Protein backbone atom coordinates (compact mmCIF):
# COMPACT_ATOMS: atom_id res chain seq x y z
CA MET A 1 -69.85 -69.51 -51.05
CA ARG A 2 -69.94 -73.26 -52.37
CA ASP A 3 -73.63 -72.97 -52.75
CA LEU A 4 -73.46 -69.86 -54.84
CA LEU A 5 -70.43 -70.89 -56.93
CA ALA A 6 -72.51 -74.33 -57.39
CA ALA A 7 -75.62 -71.89 -58.59
CA LEU A 8 -73.21 -70.06 -61.14
CA ALA A 9 -72.28 -73.57 -62.75
CA GLU A 10 -76.10 -74.77 -63.01
CA LEU A 11 -77.05 -71.30 -64.38
CA ARG A 12 -73.94 -71.58 -66.91
CA GLU A 13 -75.65 -74.70 -68.42
CA ARG A 14 -78.36 -72.44 -69.72
CA LEU A 15 -76.16 -71.12 -72.12
CA LYS A 16 -77.04 -73.70 -74.29
CA GLU A 17 -80.66 -72.64 -74.37
CA ILE A 18 -79.71 -69.57 -75.76
CA PRO A 19 -78.93 -70.59 -79.55
CA GLN A 20 -81.93 -72.25 -80.31
CA ALA A 21 -84.44 -69.69 -78.36
CA ASP A 22 -87.03 -67.93 -80.30
CA GLU A 23 -87.61 -64.29 -80.15
CA ARG A 24 -90.70 -65.22 -77.46
CA ARG A 25 -88.21 -67.80 -75.55
CA LEU A 26 -85.35 -65.37 -75.60
CA SER A 27 -87.06 -62.66 -74.04
CA ASP A 28 -88.13 -65.02 -71.11
CA LEU A 29 -85.05 -66.42 -70.59
CA LYS A 30 -83.35 -62.98 -70.45
CA THR A 31 -85.91 -61.73 -67.94
CA GLU A 32 -85.38 -65.18 -66.13
CA ILE A 33 -81.12 -64.74 -65.77
CA LEU A 34 -80.80 -61.15 -66.21
CA GLY A 35 -83.98 -59.53 -64.58
CA ARG A 36 -83.41 -56.54 -62.55
CA LYS A 37 -85.38 -57.87 -59.60
CA ALA A 38 -86.16 -61.86 -60.17
CA GLY A 39 -83.19 -62.78 -62.26
CA ALA A 40 -81.31 -65.67 -61.17
CA LEU A 41 -77.90 -63.99 -61.76
CA THR A 42 -79.04 -60.64 -60.39
CA GLN A 43 -80.14 -62.59 -57.21
CA ILE A 44 -76.42 -64.13 -56.89
CA LEU A 45 -74.83 -60.80 -57.51
CA GLY A 46 -77.30 -59.60 -54.63
CA ARG A 47 -75.99 -61.76 -51.93
CA LEU A 48 -72.16 -60.49 -52.41
CA PRO A 49 -72.23 -57.83 -49.98
CA LYS A 50 -72.79 -60.64 -47.27
CA LEU A 51 -69.58 -62.68 -48.15
CA ASP A 52 -66.24 -62.26 -46.47
CA PRO A 53 -63.89 -60.36 -48.84
CA ALA A 54 -62.22 -63.45 -50.15
CA SER A 55 -65.57 -65.32 -51.07
CA LYS A 56 -66.77 -61.92 -52.51
CA LYS A 57 -63.96 -61.53 -54.79
CA GLU A 58 -63.94 -65.18 -56.17
CA VAL A 59 -68.12 -65.35 -56.44
CA GLY A 60 -67.96 -61.87 -57.62
CA ALA A 61 -65.32 -62.51 -60.25
CA ALA A 62 -67.37 -65.48 -61.53
CA ALA A 63 -70.67 -64.01 -61.42
CA ASN A 64 -69.80 -61.09 -63.45
CA ALA A 65 -67.67 -63.35 -65.96
CA LEU A 66 -70.62 -65.32 -66.51
CA LYS A 67 -72.89 -62.21 -66.78
CA ARG A 68 -70.88 -61.01 -69.66
CA GLU A 69 -71.38 -64.29 -71.49
CA PHE A 70 -75.00 -64.11 -70.90
CA GLU A 71 -74.96 -60.84 -72.58
CA SER A 72 -72.96 -61.55 -75.35
CA ALA A 73 -74.96 -64.80 -76.18
CA PHE A 74 -78.20 -62.78 -75.85
CA THR A 75 -77.11 -59.63 -78.44
CA THR A 76 -75.94 -62.69 -80.74
CA ARG A 77 -79.11 -64.54 -80.98
CA GLU A 78 -81.14 -61.41 -81.11
CA ARG A 79 -79.15 -60.23 -84.00
CA GLU A 80 -79.36 -63.44 -85.77
CA LEU A 81 -83.40 -63.19 -84.91
CA LYS A 82 -83.47 -59.90 -86.77
CA HIS A 83 -81.44 -60.96 -89.74
CA ALA A 84 -83.64 -63.98 -90.31
CA ALA A 85 -86.92 -61.66 -89.87
CA GLY A 86 -85.66 -59.44 -93.00
CA THR A 87 -84.89 -62.80 -95.01
CA VAL A 88 -87.55 -64.07 -97.64
CA THR A 89 -88.63 -67.25 -96.27
CA GLY A 90 -89.86 -70.10 -98.72
CA LEU A 91 -87.67 -68.97 -101.48
CA ASP A 92 -86.28 -71.76 -103.86
CA LEU A 93 -82.75 -70.56 -104.48
CA THR A 94 -81.98 -73.39 -107.00
CA MET A 95 -84.88 -72.24 -109.46
CA PRO A 96 -83.67 -70.14 -112.42
CA GLY A 97 -84.40 -66.47 -112.35
CA ARG A 98 -87.23 -65.02 -114.38
CA ALA A 99 -85.91 -62.73 -117.30
CA GLY A 100 -86.99 -59.22 -116.97
CA TRP A 101 -89.29 -57.83 -119.47
CA GLN A 102 -87.25 -55.64 -121.91
CA GLY A 103 -90.27 -53.94 -123.88
CA GLY A 104 -90.49 -54.23 -127.78
CA LEU A 105 -90.40 -52.39 -130.76
CA HIS A 106 -93.27 -49.86 -132.16
CA LEU A 107 -95.25 -51.38 -134.79
CA VAL A 108 -94.07 -48.65 -137.27
CA THR A 109 -90.68 -49.32 -136.45
CA GLN A 110 -91.06 -53.17 -137.25
CA VAL A 111 -92.66 -52.15 -140.48
CA VAL A 112 -89.67 -49.78 -141.61
CA ASP A 113 -87.13 -52.31 -140.65
CA GLU A 114 -89.15 -54.74 -142.55
CA ILE A 115 -89.17 -52.56 -145.66
CA CYS A 116 -85.50 -51.63 -145.30
CA ASP A 117 -84.81 -55.29 -145.00
CA ILE A 118 -86.51 -56.00 -148.35
CA PHE A 119 -84.56 -53.48 -150.01
CA ARG A 120 -81.28 -54.38 -148.90
CA GLU A 121 -81.74 -57.89 -150.62
CA LEU A 122 -82.34 -55.64 -153.37
CA GLY A 123 -78.68 -54.11 -153.16
CA PHE A 124 -79.96 -50.97 -151.16
CA THR A 125 -77.96 -49.54 -148.34
CA ARG A 126 -79.86 -47.49 -145.35
CA ALA A 127 -79.26 -43.89 -145.45
CA VAL A 128 -80.45 -41.55 -142.94
CA GLY A 129 -80.11 -37.74 -142.12
CA PRO A 130 -81.13 -34.69 -139.87
CA GLU A 131 -84.76 -33.85 -139.37
CA ALA A 132 -83.79 -30.04 -138.89
CA GLU A 133 -82.85 -29.03 -142.35
CA THR A 134 -81.86 -26.09 -144.59
CA GLU A 135 -84.00 -24.63 -147.33
CA ARG A 136 -81.26 -25.35 -149.56
CA TYR A 137 -81.15 -29.41 -149.04
CA ASN A 138 -85.10 -29.28 -148.19
CA PHE A 139 -86.25 -27.17 -151.36
CA PHE A 140 -83.73 -25.78 -153.77
CA ALA A 141 -81.21 -28.46 -154.23
CA LEU A 142 -84.40 -30.73 -155.22
CA ASN A 143 -85.60 -28.30 -157.78
CA PHE A 144 -88.31 -26.39 -155.97
CA PRO A 145 -89.02 -23.01 -157.08
CA LYS A 146 -88.45 -20.01 -154.26
CA ASP A 147 -92.18 -19.28 -154.89
CA HIS A 148 -93.20 -22.77 -154.11
CA PRO A 149 -96.25 -22.99 -151.47
CA ALA A 150 -94.31 -25.59 -149.33
CA LEU A 151 -91.80 -22.67 -148.49
CA ASP A 152 -94.77 -20.64 -147.06
CA ALA A 153 -94.67 -20.98 -143.14
CA GLN A 154 -98.15 -21.91 -143.01
CA ASP A 155 -97.00 -25.04 -145.11
CA SER A 156 -93.87 -26.00 -143.04
CA PHE A 157 -92.64 -25.83 -139.61
CA TYR A 158 -89.77 -23.51 -139.51
CA LEU A 159 -87.34 -23.18 -136.78
CA SER A 160 -85.62 -20.15 -137.90
CA SER A 161 -85.47 -18.06 -141.42
CA ASP A 162 -83.99 -20.88 -143.42
CA VAL A 163 -84.36 -23.91 -141.22
CA LEU A 164 -87.50 -26.02 -140.99
CA LEU A 165 -88.31 -29.69 -139.87
CA ARG A 166 -87.81 -31.55 -142.92
CA THR A 167 -90.97 -31.86 -145.16
CA HIS A 168 -89.89 -34.96 -146.75
CA THR A 169 -86.73 -37.57 -146.57
CA SER A 170 -85.39 -36.07 -150.13
CA PRO A 171 -82.70 -34.02 -148.50
CA VAL A 172 -80.90 -37.28 -147.70
CA GLN A 173 -80.48 -37.70 -151.35
CA ILE A 174 -78.68 -34.51 -152.02
CA ARG A 175 -76.57 -35.34 -148.85
CA THR A 176 -75.83 -38.89 -150.27
CA LEU A 177 -74.96 -37.31 -153.82
CA GLU A 178 -72.62 -35.06 -152.08
CA ARG A 179 -70.52 -37.33 -150.36
CA TYR A 180 -70.40 -40.59 -152.57
CA PRO A 181 -69.52 -41.00 -156.15
CA PRO A 182 -72.20 -43.29 -158.22
CA PRO A 183 -72.91 -46.00 -158.08
CA ILE A 184 -75.17 -45.36 -155.51
CA ARG A 185 -78.39 -47.08 -154.02
CA VAL A 186 -79.82 -46.32 -150.85
CA VAL A 187 -83.11 -46.53 -149.12
CA ILE A 188 -84.22 -43.51 -146.85
CA PRO A 189 -86.31 -43.94 -144.12
CA GLY A 190 -87.23 -41.10 -141.45
CA GLN A 191 -89.92 -39.03 -139.85
CA VAL A 192 -91.10 -35.71 -141.68
CA TYR A 193 -93.04 -32.99 -140.56
CA ARG A 194 -95.68 -31.10 -142.24
CA ARG A 195 -98.67 -28.56 -141.63
CA ASP A 196 -101.30 -31.01 -142.12
CA PRO A 197 -104.39 -31.55 -139.86
CA PHE A 198 -104.93 -35.16 -138.28
CA ASP A 199 -107.73 -37.13 -140.44
CA ALA A 200 -107.90 -40.73 -142.10
CA SER A 201 -104.86 -40.08 -144.26
CA HIS A 202 -103.00 -36.69 -142.94
CA SER A 203 -100.64 -36.28 -139.90
CA PRO A 204 -98.43 -33.10 -139.02
CA VAL A 205 -95.56 -35.84 -138.35
CA PHE A 206 -95.33 -39.24 -140.32
CA GLN A 207 -92.70 -41.94 -141.51
CA GLN A 208 -91.79 -41.74 -144.88
CA ILE A 209 -89.28 -44.11 -147.08
CA GLU A 210 -87.87 -43.29 -150.23
CA GLY A 211 -85.06 -44.72 -152.23
CA LEU A 212 -82.32 -43.64 -154.64
CA ALA A 213 -80.27 -45.54 -157.56
CA VAL A 214 -77.77 -43.87 -159.52
CA ASP A 215 -75.86 -45.95 -162.13
CA GLU A 216 -75.04 -46.31 -165.87
CA GLY A 217 -77.69 -48.35 -167.70
CA ILE A 218 -80.58 -47.60 -165.27
CA SER A 219 -84.12 -47.25 -166.86
CA PHE A 220 -87.76 -46.69 -165.89
CA VAL A 221 -88.06 -50.46 -166.38
CA ASP A 222 -85.77 -50.70 -163.28
CA PHE A 223 -87.65 -48.60 -161.21
CA LYS A 224 -90.93 -50.44 -161.90
CA ALA A 225 -89.43 -53.70 -161.46
CA THR A 226 -87.87 -52.78 -158.31
CA LEU A 227 -91.14 -51.38 -156.74
CA ALA A 228 -93.20 -54.41 -158.10
CA THR A 229 -90.96 -56.73 -156.32
CA PHE A 230 -91.00 -55.03 -153.01
CA ALA A 231 -94.73 -54.87 -153.23
CA ARG A 232 -95.00 -58.90 -153.64
CA LYS A 233 -92.38 -59.55 -150.90
CA PHE A 234 -94.33 -56.84 -148.48
CA PHE A 235 -97.86 -57.69 -149.28
CA ALA A 236 -98.17 -60.94 -151.08
CA ALA A 237 -96.56 -63.11 -154.05
CA ASP A 238 -99.70 -62.31 -156.16
CA THR A 239 -100.05 -58.72 -155.40
CA ARG A 240 -100.93 -56.75 -158.61
CA VAL A 241 -99.52 -53.29 -158.85
CA ARG A 242 -100.26 -50.35 -161.53
CA PHE A 243 -98.54 -47.32 -162.50
CA ARG A 244 -99.91 -43.79 -163.22
CA PRO A 245 -98.26 -40.85 -164.80
CA SER A 246 -97.81 -38.33 -162.33
CA PHE A 247 -95.64 -34.80 -162.03
CA PHE A 248 -92.84 -34.12 -159.64
CA PRO A 249 -90.86 -31.01 -159.93
CA PHE A 250 -87.36 -32.97 -159.44
CA THR A 251 -88.01 -35.98 -161.33
CA GLU A 252 -88.59 -36.71 -165.08
CA PRO A 253 -90.46 -38.83 -166.19
CA SER A 254 -92.76 -39.21 -163.13
CA ALA A 255 -95.06 -41.81 -162.06
CA GLU A 256 -97.29 -43.36 -158.92
CA MET A 257 -97.59 -46.67 -158.12
CA ASP A 258 -100.76 -48.34 -156.44
CA VAL A 259 -101.01 -51.38 -154.82
CA GLN A 260 -104.32 -53.72 -155.30
CA CYS A 261 -106.30 -54.04 -152.18
CA GLN A 262 -105.56 -56.88 -150.38
CA ILE A 263 -108.89 -57.63 -148.73
CA CYS A 264 -111.23 -56.95 -151.90
CA ARG A 265 -108.69 -57.97 -154.58
CA GLY A 266 -109.58 -55.06 -157.12
CA THR A 267 -113.37 -55.51 -156.83
CA ALA A 268 -113.83 -52.64 -154.57
CA SER A 269 -116.69 -54.03 -153.13
CA GLY A 270 -118.84 -51.82 -150.83
CA ILE A 271 -116.40 -48.96 -152.01
CA PRO A 272 -118.06 -46.30 -153.86
CA ASP A 273 -115.02 -44.55 -154.99
CA SER A 274 -113.63 -46.68 -158.10
CA ARG A 275 -110.10 -46.01 -156.76
CA GLY A 276 -110.84 -47.99 -153.71
CA ALA A 277 -109.69 -51.14 -154.86
CA TRP A 278 -105.94 -49.78 -155.20
CA ALA A 279 -104.11 -48.35 -152.32
CA PRO A 280 -101.00 -45.71 -153.51
CA SER A 281 -97.92 -47.22 -152.59
CA GLY A 282 -94.81 -45.18 -154.26
CA SER A 283 -93.90 -42.73 -156.67
CA ARG A 284 -91.04 -41.07 -158.63
């Protein structure tokens, strides 16, 4: 019996090997100690039937207690190794994290914001409205006659008999005038829709920006000065502009503003059309 107890005491010392064992060594230790045939502890338990009852009870209790300790130690180490296998190695946790990519504003959106910021410096407030409009706001309140071609289904995107995708941002002028008393200064950006084919100067959907100023003492001079100031802030300080008389059913008098080409500087070099040196930029 004493030799078996001594063997158990010696075997207990091997518990110290388990916490430092890697996966391969742990498997070897488990086979050496708890193996079904050649395991050291298994062999001790196999000699119990040959002992007398008193010795069997003492050695059996010590052997089973040691077996539970080994099983617990093996389970704990296996769990640690499994957890370590799922952990990224070589990671420096003291390094700052990388900022996530958040994307950016579309170029058209950036240009619209820049234009609105320029008009804000001139005292204008940004105003917006719905893209689906009634015929009243889109046409009739703007002095369009009922037989105007734009009211035809082939020229506009109708959603119902009297609701359509707005063909310009001018309906926001009407909504602003109905909601606020003068003086009013607003700049109105937004997406508009027309039944135009895609080409170099047309699109069925595009961004439009317009302004509205209502106050006492305002004249055509204020209109010209405002647009000229905008052009020189948006393009370049030495930008030249010109105004051409034009007709619009909802404004009188009316004119269009052209901006001198920033590349050829008005020479129209290599451009057959004499208007190529100027780009339409605004109207009233």
